[in-house]
Amino acid sequence: MNKGKTHWLPNAGTVASYAGRSSKTIRNVRVVAEACGGRMIVEAIGRQGVAVRLTVKQENLAPLQPSLFD
């Protein structure tokens, strides 16, 4: 049963937008690799300015919006 929504599958090294558990939490992340079960390993900047790796659901990733210089 397809709901008609196509999922975006980013390649490793792609910069994407990640919508967290609450809609207020939106981060720019870099995709590191594809994990199992429809999840992706991404890298983001943590609260203390250190790069952290997270495993997120693929459906929560979206391409970045076009910027001024694109």
Protein backbone atom coordinates (compact mmCIF):
# COMPACT_ATOMS: atom_id res chain seq x y z
CA MET A 1 0.00 0.00 0.00
CA ASN A 2 1.72 3.10 -1.26
CA LYS A 3 0.47 6.38 0.18
CA GLY A 4 1.74 8.25 -2.87
CA LYS A 5 4.55 9.92 -0.95
CA THR A 6 7.98 9.36 -2.43
CA HIS A 7 10.96 9.30 -0.10
CA TRP A 8 14.15 11.10 -0.88
CA LEU A 9 17.22 8.85 -0.69
CA PRO A 10 20.35 10.99 -0.21
CA ASN A 11 23.83 9.74 -1.06
CA ALA A 12 26.71 9.77 1.41
CA GLY A 13 28.18 13.27 1.74
CA THR A 14 24.91 15.04 0.95
CA VAL A 15 23.80 17.92 3.19
CA ALA A 16 20.18 17.57 4.26
CA SER A 17 17.62 19.02 6.63
CA TYR A 18 16.54 16.80 9.56
CA ALA A 19 13.24 17.31 11.37
CA GLY A 20 13.60 15.88 14.88
CA ARG A 21 11.02 14.54 17.28
CA SER A 22 9.38 17.92 17.64
CA SER A 23 8.72 20.08 14.61
CA LYS A 24 10.66 22.91 16.29
CA THR A 25 13.91 20.96 16.02
CA ILE A 26 15.24 21.26 12.46
CA ARG A 27 18.96 20.72 11.87
CA ASN A 28 21.24 20.78 8.89
CA VAL A 29 23.10 17.48 8.81
CA ARG A 30 25.57 15.66 6.57
CA VAL A 31 24.70 12.11 5.55
CA VAL A 32 27.52 9.69 6.42
CA ALA A 33 26.06 6.31 5.41
CA GLU A 34 22.92 4.27 4.99
CA ALA A 35 22.03 2.00 7.91
CA CYS A 36 19.53 -0.84 8.01
CA GLY A 37 15.79 -0.58 8.58
CA GLY A 38 15.22 2.64 6.64
CA ARG A 39 17.66 4.65 8.75
CA MET A 40 20.60 6.86 7.88
CA ILE A 41 23.73 7.76 9.84
CA VAL A 42 24.18 11.54 9.84
CA GLU A 43 26.66 13.96 11.35
CA ALA A 44 25.60 17.21 13.03
CA ILE A 45 27.11 19.85 15.30
CA GLY A 46 26.25 19.14 18.94
CA ARG A 47 25.47 21.59 21.72
CA GLN A 48 29.10 22.04 22.69
CA GLY A 49 30.30 22.55 19.11
CA VAL A 50 31.58 19.01 18.63
CA ALA A 51 30.52 16.88 15.66
CA VAL A 52 28.18 14.06 16.73
CA ARG A 53 26.82 11.11 14.74
CA LEU A 54 23.15 10.23 14.91
CA THR A 55 21.03 7.48 13.43
CA VAL A 56 17.79 8.93 12.04
CA LYS A 57 14.86 7.67 10.02
CA GLN A 58 15.16 8.32 6.31
CA GLU A 59 11.64 9.74 6.18
CA ASN A 60 12.71 12.60 8.50
CA LEU A 61 15.37 13.82 6.05
CA ALA A 62 14.57 16.37 3.36
CA PRO A 63 16.67 18.22 0.78
CA LEU A 64 17.80 21.72 1.74
CA GLN A 65 15.74 24.62 0.50
CA PRO A 66 17.33 26.65 -2.30
CA SER A 67 19.51 29.44 -0.95
CA LEU A 68 20.33 32.88 -2.22
CA PHE A 69 23.47 31.71 -4.03
CA ASP A 70 22.14 28.54 -5.71
